[in-house]
Amino acid sequence: MQTSIFASADADSVAVALSDVCQKPISDKYFPVKKLLKNIIHTACGKVYQHRANVTLIALAMLFFALPHFAGATDLLATQKQDAKDTFGHGSTVEWGLYIAEIIISIGGYIKTRNPMLFVGGLAFLIVITRTFFSLAG
């Protein structure tokens, strides 16, 4: 604590006790904020340096989203779409082979466990899943 004496126009003097906090200059009041900002910037720069490959890839991705004409290309496999639909689409030989394999696996599972629900339920489940995926493909 510091003691300050103020003189007034009167003959009496007044003594006022002021704390040390009030005596600090105003510019020191913002020092923790400056230090905090400096630490945040230093940490961010350190993280960027540590993950510079990821930051570079993200920057390139943002560039291509902003300027899509740089990333434009032609579809080289566009002529193969009909071949893929014929091979893997609904009614193809691959679909028929998978149905036969599902029936054989269901029969094998039934023989091994003697549980008829495995044969009936498993077969129906596999056929529904296969039918759904092949209709999406074709």
C-alpha atoms as a PDB file:
ATOM      1  CA  MET A   1       0.000   0.000   0.000  1.00  0.00           C
ATOM      2  CA  GLN A   2       1.151   3.462  -0.802  1.00  0.00           C
ATOM      3  CA  THR A   3       0.075   6.578   0.955  1.00  0.00           C
ATOM      4  CA  SER A   4      -0.559   9.758  -0.958  1.00  0.00           C
ATOM      5  CA  ILE A   5      -1.194  13.121   0.615  1.00  0.00           C
ATOM      6  CA  PHE A   6      -3.274  15.676  -1.249  1.00  0.00           C
ATOM      7  CA  ALA A   7      -3.288  19.273  -0.258  1.00  0.00           C
ATOM      8  CA  SER A   8      -6.444  21.246  -0.611  1.00  0.00           C
ATOM      9  CA  ALA A   9      -7.223  24.936  -0.413  1.00  0.00           C
ATOM     10  CA  ASP A  10      -8.112  24.456   3.201  1.00  0.00           C
ATOM     11  CA  ALA A  11      -5.498  24.206   5.861  1.00  0.00           C
ATOM     12  CA  ASP A  12      -6.394  20.564   6.416  1.00  0.00           C
ATOM     13  CA  SER A  13      -4.578  17.806   4.539  1.00  0.00           C
ATOM     14  CA  VAL A  14      -6.205  14.576   3.550  1.00  0.00           C
ATOM     15  CA  ALA A  15      -4.313  11.278   3.466  1.00  0.00           C
ATOM     16  CA  VAL A  16      -5.606   8.632   1.054  1.00  0.00           C
ATOM     17  CA  ALA A  17      -4.385   5.045   0.946  1.00  0.00           C
ATOM     18  CA  LEU A  18      -4.296   3.611  -2.591  1.00  0.00           C
ATOM     19  CA  SER A  19      -3.652   0.010  -3.475  1.00  0.00           C
ATOM     20  CA  ASP A  20      -0.749  -1.026  -5.721  1.00  0.00           C
ATOM     21  CA  VAL A  21      -3.165  -2.148  -8.458  1.00  0.00           C
ATOM     22  CA  CYS A  22      -4.324   1.400  -9.038  1.00  0.00           C
ATOM     23  CA  GLN A  23      -0.730   2.577  -9.385  1.00  0.00           C
ATOM     24  CA  LYS A  24       0.040   0.394 -12.459  1.00  0.00           C
ATOM     25  CA  PRO A  25       0.034   2.133 -15.815  1.00  0.00           C
ATOM     26  CA  ILE A  26      -2.940   1.495 -18.083  1.00  0.00           C
ATOM     27  CA  SER A  27      -0.777  -0.010 -20.864  1.00  0.00           C
ATOM     28  CA  ASP A  28       0.164  -2.968 -18.614  1.00  0.00           C
ATOM     29  CA  LYS A  29      -3.529  -3.789 -18.259  1.00  0.00           C
ATOM     30  CA  TYR A  30      -3.621  -5.314 -21.774  1.00  0.00           C
ATOM     31  CA  PHE A  31      -0.355  -7.268 -21.477  1.00  0.00           C
ATOM     32  CA  PRO A  32      -2.039 -10.662 -20.739  1.00  0.00           C
ATOM     33  CA  VAL A  33      -4.223 -10.257 -23.845  1.00  0.00           C
ATOM     34  CA  LYS A  34      -1.163  -9.549 -26.001  1.00  0.00           C
ATOM     35  CA  LYS A  35       0.632 -12.521 -24.497  1.00  0.00           C
ATOM     36  CA  LEU A  36      -2.404 -14.756 -25.061  1.00  0.00           C
ATOM     37  CA  LEU A  37      -2.680 -13.706 -28.710  1.00  0.00           C
ATOM     38  CA  LYS A  38       1.039 -14.263 -29.204  1.00  0.00           C
ATOM     39  CA  ASN A  39       0.758 -17.770 -27.722  1.00  0.00           C
ATOM     40  CA  ILE A  40      -2.264 -18.594 -29.926  1.00  0.00           C
ATOM     41  CA  ILE A  41      -0.456 -17.438 -33.074  1.00  0.00           C
ATOM     42  CA  HIS A  42       2.700 -19.309 -32.105  1.00  0.00           C
ATOM     43  CA  THR A  43       0.721 -22.510 -31.444  1.00  0.00           C
ATOM     44  CA  ALA A  44      -1.205 -22.186 -34.718  1.00  0.00           C
ATOM     45  CA  CYS A  45       2.005 -21.666 -36.701  1.00  0.00           C
ATOM     46  CA  GLY A  46       3.544 -24.684 -34.986  1.00  0.00           C
ATOM     47  CA  LYS A  47       0.527 -26.845 -35.851  1.00  0.00           C
ATOM     48  CA  VAL A  48       0.604 -25.661 -39.457  1.00  0.00           C
ATOM     49  CA  TYR A  49       4.286 -26.528 -39.705  1.00  0.00           C
ATOM     50  CA  GLN A  50       3.689 -29.891 -38.063  1.00  0.00           C
ATOM     51  CA  HIS A  51       0.827 -30.750 -40.425  1.00  0.00           C
ATOM     52  CA  ARG A  52       2.092 -28.912 -43.502  1.00  0.00           C
ATOM     53  CA  ALA A  53       1.214 -31.780 -45.893  1.00  0.00           C
ATOM     54  CA  ASN A  54      -2.407 -31.804 -44.724  1.00  0.00           C
ATOM     55  CA  VAL A  55      -2.632 -28.023 -44.875  1.00  0.00           C
ATOM     56  CA  THR A  56      -1.240 -28.075 -48.417  1.00  0.00           C
ATOM     57  CA  LEU A  57      -3.762 -30.682 -49.547  1.00  0.00           C
ATOM     58  CA  ILE A  58      -6.640 -28.785 -47.962  1.00  0.00           C
ATOM     59  CA  ALA A  59      -5.480 -25.574 -49.643  1.00  0.00           C
ATOM     60  CA  LEU A  60      -5.348 -27.344 -53.023  1.00  0.00           C
ATOM     61  CA  ALA A  61      -8.812 -28.843 -52.494  1.00  0.00           C
ATOM     62  CA  MET A  62     -10.191 -25.401 -51.653  1.00  0.00           C
ATOM     63  CA  LEU A  63      -8.516 -24.021 -54.778  1.00  0.00           C
ATOM     64  CA  PHE A  64     -10.162 -26.643 -56.970  1.00  0.00           C
ATOM     65  CA  PHE A  65     -13.549 -25.982 -55.366  1.00  0.00           C
ATOM     66  CA  ALA A  66     -13.101 -22.266 -55.984  1.00  0.00           C
ATOM     67  CA  LEU A  67     -11.802 -22.747 -59.549  1.00  0.00           C
ATOM     68  CA  PRO A  68     -13.383 -25.976 -60.855  1.00  0.00           C
ATOM     69  CA  HIS A  69     -12.274 -25.490 -64.460  1.00  0.00           C
ATOM     70  CA  PHE A  70      -8.701 -26.370 -63.428  1.00  0.00           C
ATOM     71  CA  ALA A  71      -9.785 -29.828 -62.232  1.00  0.00           C
ATOM     72  CA  GLY A  72     -12.022 -30.668 -65.201  1.00  0.00           C
ATOM     73  CA  ALA A  73     -11.426 -33.949 -67.038  1.00  0.00           C
ATOM     74  CA  THR A  74     -13.184 -36.268 -69.467  1.00  0.00           C
ATOM     75  CA  ASP A  75     -14.570 -39.620 -68.375  1.00  0.00           C
ATOM     76  CA  LEU A  76     -12.288 -42.186 -70.003  1.00  0.00           C
ATOM     77  CA  LEU A  77     -14.475 -45.136 -68.956  1.00  0.00           C
ATOM     78  CA  ALA A  78     -17.785 -43.719 -70.209  1.00  0.00           C
ATOM     79  CA  THR A  79     -17.803 -46.204 -73.102  1.00  0.00           C
ATOM     80  CA  GLN A  80     -17.568 -49.115 -70.638  1.00  0.00           C
ATOM     81  CA  LYS A  81     -20.796 -48.356 -68.750  1.00  0.00           C
ATOM     82  CA  GLN A  82     -22.953 -50.568 -70.951  1.00  0.00           C
ATOM     83  CA  ASP A  83     -20.452 -53.431 -70.623  1.00  0.00           C
ATOM     84  CA  ALA A  84     -20.528 -53.124 -66.826  1.00  0.00           C
ATOM     85  CA  LYS A  85     -24.346 -53.127 -66.816  1.00  0.00           C
ATOM     86  CA  ASP A  86     -24.414 -56.184 -69.054  1.00  0.00           C
ATOM     87  CA  THR A  87     -21.905 -58.028 -66.857  1.00  0.00           C
ATOM     88  CA  PHE A  88     -23.123 -57.051 -63.393  1.00  0.00           C
ATOM     89  CA  GLY A  89     -26.673 -55.745 -64.001  1.00  0.00           C
ATOM     90  CA  HIS A  90     -30.015 -57.437 -63.495  1.00  0.00           C
ATOM     91  CA  GLY A  91     -30.330 -60.637 -65.536  1.00  0.00           C
ATOM     92  CA  SER A  92     -26.587 -61.101 -66.055  1.00  0.00           C
ATOM     93  CA  THR A  93     -24.601 -64.317 -65.744  1.00  0.00           C
ATOM     94  CA  VAL A  94     -22.848 -63.004 -62.629  1.00  0.00           C
ATOM     95  CA  GLU A  95     -26.219 -62.520 -60.911  1.00  0.00           C
ATOM     96  CA  TRP A  96     -27.319 -66.042 -61.876  1.00  0.00           C
ATOM     97  CA  GLY A  97     -24.026 -67.479 -60.531  1.00  0.00           C
ATOM     98  CA  LEU A  98     -24.469 -65.654 -57.225  1.00  0.00           C
ATOM     99  CA  TYR A  99     -28.016 -67.002 -56.839  1.00  0.00           C
ATOM    100  CA  ILE A 100     -26.727 -70.559 -57.378  1.00  0.00           C
ATOM    101  CA  ALA A 101     -23.897 -69.958 -54.870  1.00  0.00           C
ATOM    102  CA  GLU A 102     -26.385 -68.619 -52.298  1.00  0.00           C
ATOM    103  CA  ILE A 103     -28.555 -71.711 -52.654  1.00  0.00           C
ATOM    104  CA  ILE A 104     -25.535 -74.022 -52.209  1.00  0.00           C
ATOM    105  CA  ILE A 105     -24.310 -72.066 -49.151  1.00  0.00           C
ATOM    106  CA  SER A 106     -27.807 -72.142 -47.595  1.00  0.00           C
ATOM    107  CA  ILE A 107     -28.055 -75.900 -48.121  1.00  0.00           C
ATOM    108  CA  GLY A 108     -24.577 -76.347 -46.592  1.00  0.00           C
ATOM    109  CA  GLY A 109     -25.536 -74.211 -43.590  1.00  0.00           C
ATOM    110  CA  TYR A 110     -28.734 -76.201 -43.096  1.00  0.00           C
ATOM    111  CA  ILE A 111     -26.846 -79.525 -43.229  1.00  0.00           C
ATOM    112  CA  LYS A 112     -24.288 -78.279 -40.720  1.00  0.00           C
ATOM    113  CA  THR A 113     -26.750 -76.789 -38.176  1.00  0.00           C
ATOM    114  CA  ARG A 114     -29.976 -78.721 -38.921  1.00  0.00           C
ATOM    115  CA  ASN A 115     -31.874 -75.461 -38.518  1.00  0.00           C
ATOM    116  CA  PRO A 116     -34.529 -74.981 -41.210  1.00  0.00           C
ATOM    117  CA  MET A 117     -34.730 -71.241 -40.502  1.00  0.00           C
ATOM    118  CA  LEU A 118     -31.139 -70.884 -41.622  1.00  0.00           C
ATOM    119  CA  PHE A 119     -32.036 -72.380 -44.983  1.00  0.00           C
ATOM    120  CA  VAL A 120     -35.331 -70.544 -45.543  1.00  0.00           C
ATOM    121  CA  GLY A 121     -34.503 -67.219 -43.861  1.00  0.00           C
ATOM    122  CA  GLY A 122     -30.884 -67.078 -44.973  1.00  0.00           C
ATOM    123  CA  LEU A 123     -31.728 -67.881 -48.562  1.00  0.00           C
ATOM    124  CA  ALA A 124     -34.501 -65.283 -48.712  1.00  0.00           C
ATOM    125  CA  PHE A 125     -32.287 -62.663 -47.063  1.00  0.00           C
ATOM    126  CA  LEU A 126     -29.383 -63.269 -49.448  1.00  0.00           C
ATOM    127  CA  ILE A 127     -31.614 -63.230 -52.524  1.00  0.00           C
ATOM    128  CA  VAL A 128     -33.280 -59.958 -51.464  1.00  0.00           C
ATOM    129  CA  ILE A 129     -29.912 -58.303 -50.798  1.00  0.00           C
ATOM    130  CA  THR A 130     -28.468 -59.573 -54.086  1.00  0.00           C
ATOM    131  CA  ARG A 131     -31.550 -58.487 -56.028  1.00  0.00           C
ATOM    132  CA  THR A 132     -31.395 -55.010 -54.489  1.00  0.00           C
ATOM    133  CA  PHE A 133     -27.707 -54.506 -55.265  1.00  0.00           C
ATOM    134  CA  PHE A 134     -27.999 -55.809 -58.806  1.00  0.00           C
ATOM    135  CA  SER A 135     -30.983 -53.550 -59.518  1.00  0.00           C
ATOM    136  CA  LEU A 136     -28.874 -50.609 -58.299  1.00  0.00           C
ATOM    137  CA  ALA A 137     -25.973 -51.669 -60.522  1.00  0.00           C
ATOM    138  CA  GLY A 138     -28.117 -52.119 -63.620  1.00  0.00           C
END
